[in-house]
N, C-alpha and C. Protein backbone atom coordinates (compact mmCIF):
# COMPACT_ATOMS: atom_id res chain seq x y z
N MET A 1 105.05 154.52 192.95
CA MET A 1 103.65 153.50 192.71
C MET A 1 103.91 154.52 190.67
N VAL A 2 103.75 155.83 190.76
CA VAL A 2 103.70 155.93 189.30
C VAL A 2 104.88 155.78 188.42
N ARG A 3 106.11 155.81 189.09
CA ARG A 3 107.71 155.06 188.53
C ARG A 3 107.39 154.23 187.95
N LEU A 4 106.54 153.12 188.92
CA LEU A 4 106.60 151.30 188.30
C LEU A 4 105.77 151.49 187.30
N LEU A 5 104.59 152.51 187.29
CA LEU A 5 103.13 152.11 186.24
C LEU A 5 104.72 152.32 185.09
N VAL A 6 104.68 153.51 185.12
CA VAL A 6 105.62 154.18 183.94
C VAL A 6 106.60 153.41 183.37
N ALA A 7 107.54 152.75 184.11
CA ALA A 7 108.48 150.99 183.79
C ALA A 7 107.80 150.64 182.83
N MET A 8 106.87 150.45 183.78
CA MET A 8 105.87 148.95 182.79
C MET A 8 105.20 149.48 181.56
N LEU A 9 105.00 150.20 181.22
CA LEU A 9 104.32 151.12 180.28
C LEU A 9 105.25 151.14 178.77
N LEU A 10 106.48 151.72 179.76
CA LEU A 10 107.94 151.90 178.45
C LEU A 10 107.97 150.18 178.31
N GLY A 11 108.23 149.22 179.37
CA GLY A 11 108.33 147.96 179.18
C GLY A 11 107.71 147.24 178.05
N ALA A 12 106.38 147.83 178.21
CA ALA A 12 105.47 147.17 177.28
C ALA A 12 105.71 147.48 175.83
N VAL A 13 105.80 148.91 176.00
CA VAL A 13 105.74 149.67 174.68
C VAL A 13 107.36 148.84 174.06
N VAL A 14 108.24 148.71 174.56
CA VAL A 14 109.53 148.44 174.13
C VAL A 14 109.94 146.67 173.20
N ALA A 15 108.73 146.22 174.23
CA ALA A 15 108.26 144.54 173.59
C ALA A 15 107.51 144.37 172.29
N PHE A 16 106.55 145.45 172.60
CA PHE A 16 105.28 145.18 171.53
C PHE A 16 106.59 146.01 170.43
N GLY A 17 107.47 146.97 170.25
CA GLY A 17 108.55 147.14 169.12
C GLY A 17 109.00 146.25 168.81
N TRP A 18 110.08 145.32 169.91
CA TRP A 18 110.49 144.14 169.39
C TRP A 18 110.06 143.66 168.97
N ALA A 19 108.89 142.98 169.11
CA ALA A 19 108.43 141.54 168.62
C ALA A 19 107.80 142.25 167.51
N SER A 20 107.40 143.07 166.96
CA SER A 20 106.94 143.87 165.70
C SER A 20 107.80 143.73 164.59
N PHE A 21 109.41 144.14 165.09
CA PHE A 21 110.62 144.58 164.33
C PHE A 21 110.23 143.42 164.07
N ARG A 22 110.56 141.90 164.95
CA ARG A 22 111.15 140.45 164.69
C ARG A 22 109.82 139.92 163.65
N ILE A 23 108.65 140.48 163.71
CA ILE A 23 107.43 139.80 162.66
C ILE A 23 107.79 140.60 161.45
N TRP A 24 108.21 141.43 161.33
CA TRP A 24 108.74 142.03 159.98
C TRP A 24 109.85 141.64 159.46
N GLN A 25 110.57 141.53 160.51
CA GLN A 25 112.05 140.72 159.87
C GLN A 25 112.30 139.98 159.19
N THR A 26 111.00 138.49 160.06
CA THR A 26 110.80 137.23 159.62
C THR A 26 110.20 136.84 158.56
N GLY A 27 108.92 138.13 158.32
CA GLY A 27 108.16 138.02 157.26
C GLY A 27 108.94 138.41 155.91
N ASN A 28 109.66 139.40 155.98
CA ASN A 28 110.50 139.26 154.92
C ASN A 28 111.75 139.16 154.12
N ARG A 29 112.05 137.36 154.77
CA ARG A 29 113.16 137.01 154.59
C ARG A 29 112.59 135.44 154.04
N ASP A 30 113.13 135.36 152.83
CA ASP A 30 113.15 134.10 152.35
C ASP A 30 113.85 132.66 152.01
N ASP A 31 113.81 132.01 152.86
CA ASP A 31 114.71 130.92 153.12
C ASP A 31 114.10 129.83 152.23
N ARG A 32 114.92 129.19 151.07
CA ARG A 32 114.43 128.10 150.54
C ARG A 32 115.39 127.03 149.97
N PRO A 33 116.39 126.91 150.70
CA PRO A 33 116.99 125.91 150.83
C PRO A 33 116.54 124.17 150.50
N THR A 34 116.82 123.21 149.89
CA THR A 34 116.45 122.26 149.73
C THR A 34 116.75 121.59 150.70
N SER A 35 115.19 121.11 151.01
CA SER A 35 114.82 120.74 152.35
C SER A 35 114.04 119.29 152.16
N ASP A 36 113.48 118.32 152.82
CA ASP A 36 112.93 117.48 152.70
C ASP A 36 111.16 117.42 152.36
N ALA A 37 110.75 118.70 152.81
CA ALA A 37 109.40 118.85 152.02
C ALA A 37 109.42 120.52 152.67
N ILE A 38 107.82 120.85 151.91
CA ILE A 38 107.53 121.79 151.83
C ILE A 38 106.82 121.85 152.79
N VAL A 39 105.67 122.84 153.85
CA VAL A 39 104.83 122.88 154.43
C VAL A 39 103.98 124.21 154.45
N VAL A 40 102.85 123.89 153.51
CA VAL A 40 101.88 124.75 153.41
C VAL A 40 100.88 124.86 154.54
N LEU A 41 100.85 126.01 155.42
CA LEU A 41 99.70 125.91 156.16
C LEU A 41 98.38 126.22 155.69
N GLY A 42 97.42 125.83 156.17
CA GLY A 42 95.94 126.13 156.01
C GLY A 42 95.67 127.39 156.32
N ALA A 43 94.58 128.06 155.49
CA ALA A 43 93.36 128.79 155.65
C ALA A 43 92.26 128.56 155.30
N ALA A 44 91.46 129.51 155.09
CA ALA A 44 89.98 128.98 155.13
C ALA A 44 90.06 128.65 153.67
N GLN A 45 89.16 127.93 153.53
CA GLN A 45 88.07 127.24 152.55
C GLN A 45 86.91 127.07 152.39
N TYR A 46 86.07 127.39 151.16
CA TYR A 46 85.14 127.61 151.17
C TYR A 46 84.45 126.78 149.99
N ASP A 47 83.82 125.43 150.87
CA ASP A 47 83.21 124.67 150.09
C ASP A 47 84.32 123.32 149.11
N GLY A 48 85.72 123.09 149.31
CA GLY A 48 86.22 123.15 148.66
C GLY A 48 87.73 123.90 147.62
N ARG A 49 87.12 124.87 147.91
CA ARG A 49 87.66 126.34 147.31
C ARG A 49 88.19 126.67 148.00
N PRO A 50 89.94 126.96 147.67
CA PRO A 50 90.84 128.09 148.74
C PRO A 50 90.36 129.43 148.63
N SER A 51 90.05 130.32 149.85
CA SER A 51 90.32 131.71 150.35
C SER A 51 91.31 132.48 149.75
N PRO A 52 91.19 133.55 149.30
CA PRO A 52 92.72 134.07 148.19
C PRO A 52 93.53 134.06 149.46
N VAL A 53 93.63 133.51 150.68
CA VAL A 53 94.68 133.92 151.46
C VAL A 53 95.34 132.38 151.35
N PHE A 54 94.39 131.61 151.22
CA PHE A 54 94.95 130.01 151.43
C PHE A 54 95.23 129.87 149.65
N ARG A 55 94.60 130.36 148.47
CA ARG A 55 94.97 130.30 147.45
C ARG A 55 96.94 130.92 146.84
N ALA A 56 97.11 131.86 147.39
CA ALA A 56 97.76 132.55 147.68
C ALA A 56 99.13 131.37 148.18
N ARG A 57 98.65 131.01 149.27
CA ARG A 57 100.09 130.14 150.19
C ARG A 57 99.79 129.23 149.32
N LEU A 58 99.11 128.33 148.58
CA LEU A 58 99.42 127.22 147.83
C LEU A 58 100.30 127.37 146.52
N ASP A 59 99.66 128.46 145.77
CA ASP A 59 100.36 129.37 144.92
C ASP A 59 101.90 129.28 144.92
N HIS A 60 102.45 129.51 146.18
CA HIS A 60 103.70 129.55 146.57
C HIS A 60 104.55 128.80 146.50
N ALA A 61 103.82 127.83 147.30
CA ALA A 61 104.13 126.42 147.65
C ALA A 61 104.37 125.44 146.46
N ILE A 62 103.48 125.50 145.60
CA ILE A 62 103.64 124.94 144.09
C ILE A 62 104.75 125.49 143.77
N ASP A 63 105.01 126.48 143.39
CA ASP A 63 105.99 127.39 142.81
C ASP A 63 107.44 126.30 143.39
N LEU A 64 107.60 126.50 144.72
CA LEU A 64 108.75 125.66 145.71
C LEU A 64 109.19 124.40 145.06
N TYR A 65 107.65 123.77 144.91
CA TYR A 65 107.78 122.51 144.91
C TYR A 65 108.26 121.92 143.15
N LYS A 66 107.54 122.59 142.47
CA LYS A 66 108.19 122.44 141.07
C LYS A 66 109.14 123.29 140.93
N GLY A 67 109.84 124.16 141.93
CA GLY A 67 111.11 124.64 141.18
C GLY A 67 112.35 123.62 141.95
N GLY A 68 111.88 122.52 142.59
CA GLY A 68 112.62 121.42 142.74
C GLY A 68 113.12 121.49 144.63
N VAL A 69 112.84 122.74 145.54
CA VAL A 69 113.11 123.03 146.81
C VAL A 69 112.54 121.74 147.91
N ALA A 70 112.14 120.73 147.09
CA ALA A 70 111.40 119.63 147.92
C ALA A 70 111.11 118.24 147.31
N LYS A 71 110.91 117.22 147.91
CA LYS A 71 110.27 116.23 146.81
C LYS A 71 108.87 115.76 147.30
N TYR A 72 108.73 116.39 148.70
CA TYR A 72 107.10 116.51 149.38
C TYR A 72 106.74 117.78 149.62
N LEU A 73 105.20 117.51 149.30
CA LEU A 73 104.57 118.58 149.42
C LEU A 73 103.34 118.59 150.84
N ILE A 74 103.65 119.29 152.09
CA ILE A 74 102.81 118.66 152.85
C ILE A 74 101.66 119.71 152.96
N VAL A 75 100.32 119.40 153.17
CA VAL A 75 99.13 120.84 153.05
C VAL A 75 98.75 120.45 154.24
N THR A 76 98.24 121.08 155.15
CA THR A 76 97.81 120.82 156.60
C THR A 76 96.40 121.85 156.71
N GLY A 77 95.67 121.47 157.90
CA GLY A 77 94.20 121.91 158.30
C GLY A 77 92.83 121.08 158.34
N GLY A 78 92.44 121.10 159.42
CA GLY A 78 91.56 120.68 159.62
C GLY A 78 89.83 121.00 158.80
N LYS A 79 88.94 120.82 159.93
CA LYS A 79 87.87 121.60 159.07
C LYS A 79 87.02 122.47 160.18
N ALA A 80 86.42 123.65 159.96
CA ALA A 80 85.69 123.68 161.21
C ALA A 80 83.98 123.42 161.00
N GLN A 81 83.56 123.71 161.89
CA GLN A 81 82.35 123.32 162.28
C GLN A 81 81.22 123.62 161.23
N GLY A 82 80.61 122.51 160.43
CA GLY A 82 80.09 122.88 159.58
C GLY A 82 80.69 122.83 157.68
N ASP A 83 81.49 122.56 157.95
CA ASP A 83 82.43 122.07 157.08
C ASP A 83 82.52 121.12 156.05
N ARG A 84 82.18 121.00 154.85
CA ARG A 84 82.23 120.03 154.27
C ARG A 84 83.44 119.17 153.84
N SER A 85 84.44 119.90 154.04
CA SER A 85 85.88 119.63 153.33
C SER A 85 86.90 120.44 154.35
N THR A 86 87.68 119.27 154.59
CA THR A 86 89.10 119.82 155.60
C THR A 86 89.78 120.78 154.49
N GLU A 87 90.61 121.87 155.21
CA GLU A 87 91.65 122.41 154.54
C GLU A 87 92.70 122.16 153.63
N ALA A 88 93.07 120.74 154.52
CA ALA A 88 94.24 119.80 153.72
C ALA A 88 93.28 119.59 152.34
N ALA A 89 92.49 118.46 152.97
CA ALA A 89 91.58 118.22 151.19
C ALA A 89 91.32 118.96 150.09
N THR A 90 91.03 120.17 150.36
CA THR A 90 90.98 121.26 149.88
C THR A 90 92.36 121.55 149.12
N ALA A 91 93.13 121.67 149.75
CA ALA A 91 94.39 122.14 149.38
C ALA A 91 95.37 120.66 148.75
N ARG A 92 95.01 119.56 148.81
CA ARG A 92 95.30 118.79 147.83
C ARG A 92 94.69 118.65 146.73
N ALA A 93 93.72 119.15 146.46
CA ALA A 93 92.86 118.63 145.52
C ALA A 93 93.12 120.02 143.93
N PHE A 94 93.69 120.90 145.32
CA PHE A 94 94.59 122.15 144.68
C PHE A 94 95.36 121.55 143.42
N ALA A 95 96.48 120.94 144.60
CA ALA A 95 98.03 121.01 144.14
C ALA A 95 97.79 119.51 143.02
N LEU A 96 97.02 119.20 143.29
CA LEU A 96 96.53 117.68 142.24
C LEU A 96 96.64 118.62 140.55
N ARG A 97 95.69 119.55 140.95
CA ARG A 97 94.90 119.95 139.60
C ARG A 97 96.25 120.65 138.96
N LYS A 98 97.24 121.32 139.82
CA LYS A 98 98.40 121.92 139.22
C LYS A 98 99.45 121.32 138.99
N GLY A 99 99.31 120.24 138.93
CA GLY A 99 100.14 118.99 138.46
C GLY A 99 101.27 118.53 139.65
N VAL A 100 101.10 118.98 140.37
CA VAL A 100 101.88 117.81 141.81
C VAL A 100 101.37 116.58 141.82
N PRO A 101 102.56 115.46 141.76
CA PRO A 101 102.05 114.04 141.96
C PRO A 101 101.75 113.99 143.28
N ASP A 102 100.56 112.82 143.34
CA ASP A 102 99.73 112.14 144.78
C ASP A 102 100.90 112.22 145.50
N ALA A 103 101.60 111.38 144.88
CA ALA A 103 102.67 110.81 145.68
C ALA A 103 103.73 111.46 146.39
N ALA A 104 103.47 112.42 145.93
CA ALA A 104 104.39 113.57 146.82
C ALA A 104 103.56 114.24 147.20
N ILE A 105 102.14 114.18 148.02
CA ILE A 105 101.49 115.17 149.06
C ILE A 105 101.58 114.03 150.05
N LEU A 106 101.65 115.05 151.26
CA LEU A 106 101.49 114.32 151.89
C LEU A 106 100.31 115.32 153.16
N VAL A 107 99.33 114.65 154.29
CA VAL A 107 98.28 115.35 154.30
C VAL A 107 98.08 115.56 156.02
N GLU A 108 97.86 116.35 156.43
CA GLU A 108 97.52 116.81 158.03
C GLU A 108 96.46 117.39 158.11
N ASP A 109 95.45 116.51 158.51
CA ASP A 109 94.09 117.32 157.92
C ASP A 109 93.21 117.19 159.65
N GLY A 110 93.91 116.83 160.76
CA GLY A 110 92.95 117.50 162.17
C GLY A 110 93.45 118.64 162.48
N GLY A 111 94.18 119.57 162.25
CA GLY A 111 94.70 120.48 162.99
C GLY A 111 93.64 121.82 162.82
N ARG A 112 92.90 122.62 164.28
CA ARG A 112 92.19 123.44 163.73
C ARG A 112 93.23 124.86 163.96
N THR A 113 94.45 124.19 164.81
CA THR A 113 95.26 126.17 165.16
C THR A 113 96.69 125.74 164.59
N THR A 114 97.35 126.68 164.51
CA THR A 114 98.81 126.51 163.80
C THR A 114 99.72 125.64 164.69
N LEU A 115 98.99 125.21 166.37
CA LEU A 115 100.08 124.53 167.02
C LEU A 115 99.79 122.92 166.65
N GLU A 116 98.18 123.10 166.54
CA GLU A 116 98.00 121.64 166.29
C GLU A 116 98.78 120.93 165.03
N SER A 117 98.39 121.96 163.88
CA SER A 117 99.08 121.46 162.78
C SER A 117 100.07 121.11 162.87
N LEU A 118 101.00 121.69 163.70
CA LEU A 118 102.30 121.74 163.43
C LEU A 118 103.05 120.68 164.40
N HIS A 119 102.54 120.12 165.15
CA HIS A 119 102.43 118.87 166.31
C HIS A 119 102.53 118.34 165.20
N ALA A 120 101.28 117.92 164.25
CA ALA A 120 101.17 116.81 163.41
C ALA A 120 101.83 116.50 162.45
N VAL A 121 102.57 117.94 162.23
CA VAL A 121 103.56 117.80 161.17
C VAL A 121 104.71 116.97 161.59
N ALA A 122 105.10 117.39 162.47
CA ALA A 122 106.37 117.09 163.22
C ALA A 122 106.50 115.34 163.15
N THR A 123 105.12 114.90 163.63
CA THR A 123 104.84 113.35 163.77
C THR A 123 104.90 113.03 161.99
N LEU A 124 104.34 113.78 161.55
CA LEU A 124 104.29 113.38 159.82
C LEU A 124 105.39 113.04 159.58
N LEU A 125 106.53 114.04 159.89
CA LEU A 125 107.76 114.09 158.69
C LEU A 125 108.64 112.79 159.80
N ARG A 126 108.31 112.38 161.04
CA ARG A 126 109.26 111.89 161.80
C ARG A 126 108.74 110.28 161.08
N ASP A 127 107.40 110.28 160.68
CA ASP A 127 107.23 108.71 160.45
C ASP A 127 107.55 108.74 159.01
N HIS A 128 107.92 109.78 158.49
CA HIS A 128 108.49 109.73 156.90
C HIS A 128 109.86 109.59 157.13
N GLN A 129 110.66 109.97 157.99
CA GLN A 129 112.06 110.03 157.88
C GLN A 129 112.75 110.99 157.50
N LEU A 130 111.60 112.32 157.74
CA LEU A 130 112.18 113.51 157.12
C LEU A 130 112.54 114.67 158.22
N ALA A 131 113.12 115.39 158.33
CA ALA A 131 113.67 116.43 159.25
C ALA A 131 113.21 117.90 158.83
N SER A 132 113.58 118.56 157.98
CA SER A 132 113.63 119.75 157.19
C SER A 132 112.63 120.10 156.55
N ALA A 133 112.25 121.34 156.53
CA ALA A 133 110.90 121.73 156.07
C ALA A 133 110.91 123.00 155.53
N VAL A 134 110.55 123.61 154.42
CA VAL A 134 110.14 124.70 154.49
C VAL A 134 108.67 124.94 154.37
N PHE A 135 108.41 126.37 155.39
CA PHE A 135 107.16 126.15 155.47
C PHE A 135 106.80 127.80 154.77
N VAL A 136 105.63 127.56 154.46
CA VAL A 136 105.01 128.70 153.69
C VAL A 136 103.53 128.94 154.22
N SER A 137 103.73 130.31 154.58
CA SER A 137 102.14 131.33 155.31
C SER A 137 102.63 132.44 154.65
N ASP A 138 102.07 132.99 154.91
CA ASP A 138 101.65 134.70 155.36
C ASP A 138 102.72 135.24 155.65
N ARG A 139 103.59 136.65 155.23
CA ARG A 139 104.93 137.29 156.08
C ARG A 139 104.39 137.53 157.28
N THR A 140 103.29 137.89 158.25
CA THR A 140 103.18 138.44 159.52
C THR A 140 103.03 136.98 160.17
N HIS A 141 102.78 135.72 159.82
CA HIS A 141 102.64 134.20 160.41
C HIS A 141 103.88 133.71 160.45
N MET A 142 105.10 134.32 159.48
CA MET A 142 106.43 133.21 159.67
C MET A 142 106.76 133.25 160.88
N LEU A 143 107.10 134.46 161.89
CA LEU A 143 107.53 134.10 163.43
C LEU A 143 107.16 133.11 163.63
N ARG A 144 106.29 133.27 164.41
CA ARG A 144 105.07 132.13 165.07
C ARG A 144 105.30 130.73 164.82
N VAL A 145 104.99 130.57 163.09
CA VAL A 145 105.01 129.27 162.72
C VAL A 145 106.58 128.71 162.81
N LEU A 146 107.59 129.46 162.85
CA LEU A 146 109.00 129.22 162.58
C LEU A 146 109.37 128.53 164.18
N ARG A 147 109.41 129.19 165.10
CA ARG A 147 109.01 129.32 166.73
C ARG A 147 108.38 128.06 166.85
N ILE A 148 107.23 127.69 166.18
CA ILE A 148 106.95 126.54 166.83
C ILE A 148 107.62 125.52 166.17
N ALA A 149 107.69 125.83 164.93
CA ALA A 149 108.38 124.24 164.00
C ALA A 149 109.44 123.97 165.19
N HIS A 150 110.06 124.89 165.03
CA HIS A 150 111.81 124.94 166.02
C HIS A 150 111.64 123.84 167.27
N ASP A 151 110.44 124.47 167.80
CA ASP A 151 110.17 123.87 169.37
C ASP A 151 109.57 122.10 169.29
N GLN A 152 109.22 121.71 168.14
CA GLN A 152 108.44 120.44 167.88
C GLN A 152 109.84 120.00 166.90
N GLY A 153 110.81 120.44 166.95
CA GLY A 153 112.10 119.25 166.70
C GLY A 153 112.29 119.76 165.40
N ILE A 154 111.62 120.26 164.84
CA ILE A 154 111.86 120.77 163.28
C ILE A 154 113.01 121.24 162.60
N THR A 155 113.97 120.89 161.43
CA THR A 155 114.70 121.97 161.15
C THR A 155 113.79 122.77 160.10
N ALA A 156 113.86 123.81 160.71
CA ALA A 156 112.72 124.98 159.71
C ALA A 156 112.91 125.97 158.70
N PHE A 157 112.73 125.74 158.20
CA PHE A 157 112.94 127.28 157.02
C PHE A 157 111.65 128.14 156.82
N GLY A 158 111.63 129.44 156.46
CA GLY A 158 110.11 130.17 156.13
C GLY A 158 110.45 130.83 154.34
N SER A 159 109.44 130.45 153.52
CA SER A 159 109.52 131.30 152.65
C SER A 159 107.70 131.45 152.73
N PRO A 160 107.74 132.91 153.01
CA PRO A 160 105.84 133.50 152.91
C PRO A 160 105.90 133.91 151.44
N THR A 161 104.40 133.96 151.14
CA THR A 161 104.07 134.45 149.91
C THR A 161 104.17 136.05 150.11
N ALA A 162 104.60 136.52 148.88
CA ALA A 162 104.22 137.87 148.82
C ALA A 162 103.05 137.98 147.95
N THR A 163 101.88 137.85 148.33
CA THR A 163 100.94 137.96 147.39
C THR A 163 99.65 137.61 148.50
N SER A 164 99.89 137.59 149.59
CA SER A 164 98.48 137.44 150.67
C SER A 164 97.40 138.53 150.17
N PRO A 165 96.74 138.32 150.57
CA PRO A 165 96.06 139.45 150.84
C PRO A 165 95.82 140.35 152.17
N THR A 166 96.81 139.61 153.55
CA THR A 166 96.95 140.27 154.60
C THR A 166 97.91 141.12 154.09
N ASP A 167 98.70 141.10 152.86
CA ASP A 167 99.94 142.55 152.60
C ASP A 167 99.27 143.20 151.45
N ALA A 168 98.04 143.58 151.22
CA ALA A 168 97.66 143.77 150.10
C ALA A 168 97.44 145.60 150.74
N THR A 169 97.49 146.30 151.85
CA THR A 169 96.83 147.78 152.29
C THR A 169 97.67 147.36 153.62
N LEU A 170 98.55 148.72 154.11
CA LEU A 170 98.80 149.22 155.29
C LEU A 170 97.90 148.61 156.52
N ALA A 171 96.93 148.56 156.34
CA ALA A 171 96.04 148.41 157.44
C ALA A 171 95.53 146.88 157.79
N SER A 172 95.96 146.09 156.34
CA SER A 172 95.23 144.71 156.38
C SER A 172 96.56 143.87 157.35
N ARG A 173 98.21 144.97 156.66
CA ARG A 173 99.36 144.28 157.56
C ARG A 173 99.48 144.35 158.84
N ALA A 174 98.54 145.67 159.09
CA ALA A 174 98.99 145.91 160.85
C ALA A 174 98.05 145.13 161.43
N ASP A 175 97.10 145.22 161.16
CA ASP A 175 95.80 144.19 161.89
C ASP A 175 96.04 142.84 161.69
N ALA A 176 97.12 142.17 160.96
CA ALA A 176 97.37 140.90 160.84
C ALA A 176 98.79 140.63 161.48
N THR A 177 99.59 141.57 161.82
CA THR A 177 100.66 142.06 163.04
C THR A 177 100.22 142.03 164.41
N ILE A 178 98.67 142.95 164.42
CA ILE A 178 98.25 142.64 165.48
C ILE A 178 97.65 141.23 166.58
N HIS A 179 97.09 140.91 165.66
CA HIS A 179 96.68 139.78 165.47
C HIS A 179 97.99 138.29 165.94
N GLU A 180 99.33 138.41 165.45
CA GLU A 180 100.46 138.14 165.62
C GLU A 180 101.28 137.81 167.01
N LEU A 181 100.85 139.48 167.30
CA LEU A 181 101.58 139.79 168.59
C LEU A 181 100.74 138.97 169.78
N GLY A 182 99.25 139.23 169.54
CA GLY A 182 98.61 138.61 170.72
C GLY A 182 98.52 137.07 170.75
N ALA A 183 98.95 136.70 169.68
CA ALA A 183 99.29 134.73 169.53
C ALA A 183 100.47 134.65 169.57
N LEU A 184 101.51 135.44 169.65
CA LEU A 184 102.97 135.12 170.29
C LEU A 184 102.75 135.12 171.38
N ALA A 185 102.26 136.12 172.01
CA ALA A 185 102.63 136.82 173.84
C ALA A 185 101.56 135.16 174.46
N LEU A 186 100.55 134.60 173.57
CA LEU A 186 99.56 133.69 173.82
C LEU A 186 100.69 132.64 174.57
N TYR A 187 101.18 132.23 173.07
CA TYR A 187 102.19 130.86 173.10
C TYR A 187 103.30 131.00 174.10
N PHE A 188 104.21 132.09 174.18
CA PHE A 188 105.02 132.63 174.88
C PHE A 188 104.63 132.33 176.50
N VAL A 189 103.11 132.49 176.74
CA VAL A 189 102.99 132.61 178.06
C VAL A 189 102.26 131.36 178.81
N SER A 190 101.54 130.65 177.46
CA SER A 190 100.65 129.16 177.81
C SER A 190 101.03 128.32 177.23
N GLY A 191 101.75 128.27 176.38
CA GLY A 191 101.98 127.22 175.28
C GLY A 191 101.13 126.73 174.58
N GLN A 192 99.89 127.53 173.96
CA GLN A 192 99.11 128.13 173.42
C GLN A 192 99.06 128.95 171.99
N THR A 193 98.41 128.53 171.19
CA THR A 193 98.24 129.27 170.35
C THR A 193 97.44 129.08 169.09
N PRO A 194 96.22 130.01 168.48
CA PRO A 194 95.29 130.29 167.52
C PRO A 194 95.46 129.29 166.57
């Protein structure tokens, strides 16, 4: 019994270490080939103003758009209970103020989780006859985003923002990594994700 417990503990440590390495590895790779769209994952917004995390994602996605990576910018995210605006509406308004043309912005405003948003993005891409996308989020979020996008049939690339507050300190990055480990485990076990 002791050997079994030790083996299980050792297996958990190895799995934790491997997953942490993969989160770090994927989050430090910036792929930005010419694609059909740039998809920016939603984050908190405050009455129409993007949170610092969301703003970092939006700034990076808009830079990619202006750099000619794709013709479309897809903004994502619904709204939490009590919100007056969706994350996507906040992102759209922000992008318009930064000079992205209205015709270039596609909106997914129903998703409250990464999985819900990416499922809707896959439908949006198909409806517009688009197949490939560069996804923008935080470094620690990229592995899960790309895994789900692949599972949704999207030709997906990741271009994480390097200016997110989640990367500001070792403690904040460790906290975000622990969150992602739990979210990945939930996704692989149940097919659900926060």
